[in-house]
Amino acid sequence: MLVVHLTCFLSDVTMNVLVVPYTFFSAAVGYPMGVLTWFGVLTMFQVYSGFTSVMLLGPALVLFFEDRYNHLVRLDSDTRSRFIKRCIHFGSYYFLTFICMIPLFFEIPSLQNAKKLTYNEFPCLPQNIFEKPGVFMLTSNTGPAMACLFSFFFISACQAFYFTFRRIESKSGPSL
């Protein structure tokens, strides 16, 4: 439970103090207005840290449900082999969290292309958006971004439901 609270705190601080994104979601365009901008941190890094801080909620919630399942259902929860398996599972899950969005940052359009693409698709946007410092367009095609996000959250939800279902199933099954 502590990991969930700390992860929510990290996500809140990142999104509401450090980055403070001003985003046009339909165009995947925005610019940061947080404390990190004052310190001159690159916009690309701020976008990555914002995505990652939100995505860290997935492993935290799965860890919460898995830990509950591990201590209430499994008889071998305190063995060394179980500890190693859990470390590998969550180590790889956190590693996946940190690398999941990296492929999107390889094909970032230039500012001129981003401006042209955005105004062609959304002509109603004000002209001064691209005059702001640190304007950033993650991608001109939001399909891969949504595929990364939804697949990651789908994996997280499936794991959380699995451990919850297994806990409920073991509780309603025959007792020894």
Protein backbone atom coordinates (compact mmCIF):
# COMPACT_ATOMS: atom_id res chain seq x y z
CA MET A 1 0.00 0.00 0.00
CA LEU A 2 2.92 2.31 0.74
CA VAL A 3 4.31 1.81 -2.78
CA VAL A 4 0.94 2.82 -4.27
CA HIS A 5 0.81 5.97 -2.14
CA LEU A 6 4.40 6.93 -2.94
CA THR A 7 3.83 6.32 -6.66
CA CYS A 8 0.69 8.48 -6.63
CA PHE A 9 2.64 11.17 -4.79
CA LEU A 10 5.45 11.00 -7.36
CA SER A 11 2.97 11.20 -10.22
CA ASP A 12 1.17 14.18 -8.65
CA VAL A 13 4.40 16.08 -7.99
CA THR A 14 5.70 15.37 -11.49
CA MET A 15 2.54 16.40 -13.30
CA ASN A 16 1.49 19.32 -11.06
CA VAL A 17 4.79 20.89 -10.01
CA LEU A 18 7.73 19.71 -12.08
CA VAL A 19 6.24 19.48 -15.57
CA VAL A 20 2.71 21.02 -15.58
CA PRO A 21 1.85 20.09 -19.17
CA TYR A 22 -0.38 22.31 -21.27
CA THR A 23 -1.53 19.79 -23.83
CA PHE A 24 -3.73 19.58 -26.90
CA PHE A 25 -4.45 15.85 -26.69
CA SER A 26 -6.02 15.39 -30.09
CA ALA A 27 -2.91 16.81 -31.76
CA ALA A 28 -0.32 15.36 -29.31
CA VAL A 29 1.12 18.87 -29.00
CA GLY A 30 1.90 20.79 -25.87
CA TYR A 31 4.46 22.60 -23.82
CA PRO A 32 5.58 22.38 -20.19
CA MET A 33 5.07 25.18 -17.69
CA GLY A 34 6.55 23.63 -14.54
CA VAL A 35 9.62 24.06 -12.38
CA LEU A 36 11.79 21.92 -14.65
CA THR A 37 11.28 24.46 -17.45
CA TRP A 38 12.81 27.16 -15.25
CA PHE A 39 15.88 24.98 -14.79
CA GLY A 40 16.24 24.48 -18.54
CA VAL A 41 15.43 20.77 -18.67
CA LEU A 42 14.69 19.61 -22.22
CA THR A 43 11.02 19.36 -23.10
CA MET A 44 11.53 15.85 -24.46
CA PHE A 45 12.81 14.68 -21.07
CA GLN A 46 9.89 16.36 -19.30
CA VAL A 47 7.41 14.59 -21.59
CA TYR A 48 9.13 11.26 -20.95
CA SER A 49 9.16 11.79 -17.18
CA GLY A 50 5.47 12.76 -17.23
CA PHE A 51 4.49 9.63 -19.15
CA THR A 52 6.69 7.42 -16.99
CA SER A 53 5.39 8.82 -13.70
CA VAL A 54 1.83 8.02 -14.74
CA MET A 55 2.79 4.60 -16.07
CA LEU A 56 4.49 3.70 -12.78
CA LEU A 57 1.01 3.39 -11.31
CA GLY A 58 0.59 0.10 -13.22
CA PRO A 59 3.41 -1.80 -11.50
CA ALA A 60 2.51 -0.24 -8.14
CA LEU A 61 -1.07 -1.48 -8.32
CA VAL A 62 -0.02 -4.91 -9.56
CA LEU A 63 2.54 -5.10 -6.73
CA PHE A 64 -0.23 -4.27 -4.26
CA PHE A 65 -2.55 -7.03 -5.51
CA GLU A 66 0.27 -9.55 -6.01
CA ASP A 67 1.63 -8.94 -2.51
CA ARG A 68 -1.81 -9.50 -1.04
CA TYR A 69 -2.17 -12.70 -3.07
CA ASN A 70 1.34 -13.83 -2.14
CA HIS A 71 0.83 -13.50 1.61
CA LEU A 72 -2.78 -14.68 1.86
CA VAL A 73 -2.91 -17.53 -0.64
CA ARG A 74 0.52 -18.96 -1.34
CA LEU A 75 1.98 -21.33 1.20
CA ASP A 76 5.54 -20.75 -0.03
CA SER A 77 5.42 -16.96 0.22
CA ASP A 78 8.44 -16.70 2.54
CA THR A 79 10.83 -18.96 0.64
CA ARG A 80 13.95 -17.64 -1.03
CA SER A 81 12.98 -19.00 -4.46
CA ARG A 82 9.64 -17.18 -4.29
CA PHE A 83 11.45 -13.97 -3.34
CA ILE A 84 13.80 -14.32 -6.33
CA LYS A 85 10.87 -14.97 -8.70
CA ARG A 86 9.05 -11.90 -7.40
CA CYS A 87 12.19 -9.76 -7.78
CA ILE A 88 12.62 -10.92 -11.38
CA HIS A 89 8.92 -10.36 -12.11
CA PHE A 90 8.81 -6.83 -10.73
CA GLY A 91 12.29 -5.92 -11.93
CA SER A 92 11.31 -6.79 -15.48
CA TYR A 93 7.96 -5.04 -15.06
CA TYR A 94 9.57 -1.79 -13.87
CA PHE A 95 12.15 -2.10 -16.67
CA LEU A 96 9.28 -2.41 -19.17
CA THR A 97 7.70 0.68 -17.63
CA PHE A 98 10.81 2.76 -18.24
CA ILE A 99 11.39 1.59 -21.83
CA CYS A 100 7.80 1.31 -23.07
CA MET A 101 7.52 4.87 -24.40
CA ILE A 102 11.09 5.24 -25.70
CA PRO A 103 10.28 4.12 -29.30
CA LEU A 104 7.98 7.13 -29.70
CA PHE A 105 10.88 9.50 -29.13
CA PHE A 106 12.82 8.24 -32.17
CA GLU A 107 10.48 9.80 -34.75
CA ILE A 108 9.72 13.23 -33.32
CA PRO A 109 8.77 15.66 -36.11
CA SER A 110 10.66 18.94 -36.41
CA LEU A 111 8.96 22.08 -35.13
CA GLN A 112 8.16 23.32 -38.65
CA ASN A 113 6.66 19.98 -39.68
CA ALA A 114 4.73 19.78 -36.42
CA LYS A 115 3.33 23.26 -36.95
CA LYS A 116 2.29 22.46 -40.51
CA LEU A 117 0.72 19.10 -39.62
CA THR A 118 -1.13 20.49 -36.63
CA TYR A 119 -2.62 23.48 -38.45
CA ASN A 120 -3.66 21.29 -41.40
CA GLU A 121 -5.48 18.90 -39.08
CA PHE A 122 -6.77 21.46 -36.54
CA PRO A 123 -7.17 24.86 -38.24
CA CYS A 124 -9.12 26.27 -35.28
CA LEU A 125 -6.06 26.33 -32.98
CA PRO A 126 -4.64 29.78 -32.16
CA GLN A 127 -1.62 30.81 -34.22
CA ASN A 128 0.52 31.66 -31.19
CA ILE A 129 0.75 28.09 -29.86
CA PHE A 130 3.98 27.33 -31.69
CA GLU A 131 5.54 30.61 -30.58
CA LYS A 132 5.71 29.40 -26.96
CA PRO A 133 9.12 28.20 -25.75
CA GLY A 134 9.44 24.44 -25.46
CA VAL A 135 6.54 23.49 -27.74
CA PHE A 136 6.74 19.79 -28.41
CA MET A 137 4.93 17.40 -30.72
CA LEU A 138 5.45 13.81 -29.67
CA THR A 139 4.16 12.24 -32.86
CA SER A 140 2.16 13.09 -35.93
CA ASN A 141 0.50 9.67 -35.79
CA THR A 142 -1.11 9.02 -32.41
CA GLY A 143 -1.74 5.34 -33.20
CA PRO A 144 1.64 4.02 -31.97
CA ALA A 145 1.45 6.18 -28.83
CA MET A 146 -2.00 4.86 -27.99
CA ALA A 147 -0.88 1.31 -28.78
CA CYS A 148 2.03 1.63 -26.32
CA LEU A 149 -0.13 3.13 -23.59
CA PHE A 150 -3.14 0.86 -23.96
CA SER A 151 -1.07 -2.32 -24.25
CA PHE A 152 0.88 -1.40 -21.13
CA PHE A 153 -2.26 -0.61 -19.14
CA PHE A 154 -3.97 -3.74 -20.49
CA ILE A 155 -1.08 -5.88 -19.22
CA SER A 156 -1.28 -4.13 -15.84
CA ALA A 157 -5.05 -4.58 -15.56
CA CYS A 158 -4.85 -8.26 -16.53
CA GLN A 159 -2.27 -8.93 -13.84
CA ALA A 160 -4.21 -7.04 -11.17
CA PHE A 161 -7.42 -8.89 -12.06
CA TYR A 162 -5.58 -12.21 -12.10
CA PHE A 163 -4.23 -11.79 -8.58
CA THR A 164 -7.58 -10.51 -7.31
CA PHE A 165 -9.48 -13.37 -8.94
CA ARG A 166 -7.03 -15.94 -7.58
CA ARG A 167 -7.46 -14.47 -4.09
CA ILE A 168 -11.26 -14.63 -4.32
CA GLU A 169 -11.12 -18.11 -5.82
CA SER A 170 -8.90 -19.43 -3.03
CA LYS A 171 -11.16 -17.90 -0.40
CA SER A 172 -14.32 -19.53 -1.79
CA GLY A 173 -12.68 -22.89 -2.53
CA PRO A 174 -12.55 -25.85 -0.17
CA SER A 175 -10.55 -25.14 2.96
CA LEU A 176 -7.96 -27.56 4.30
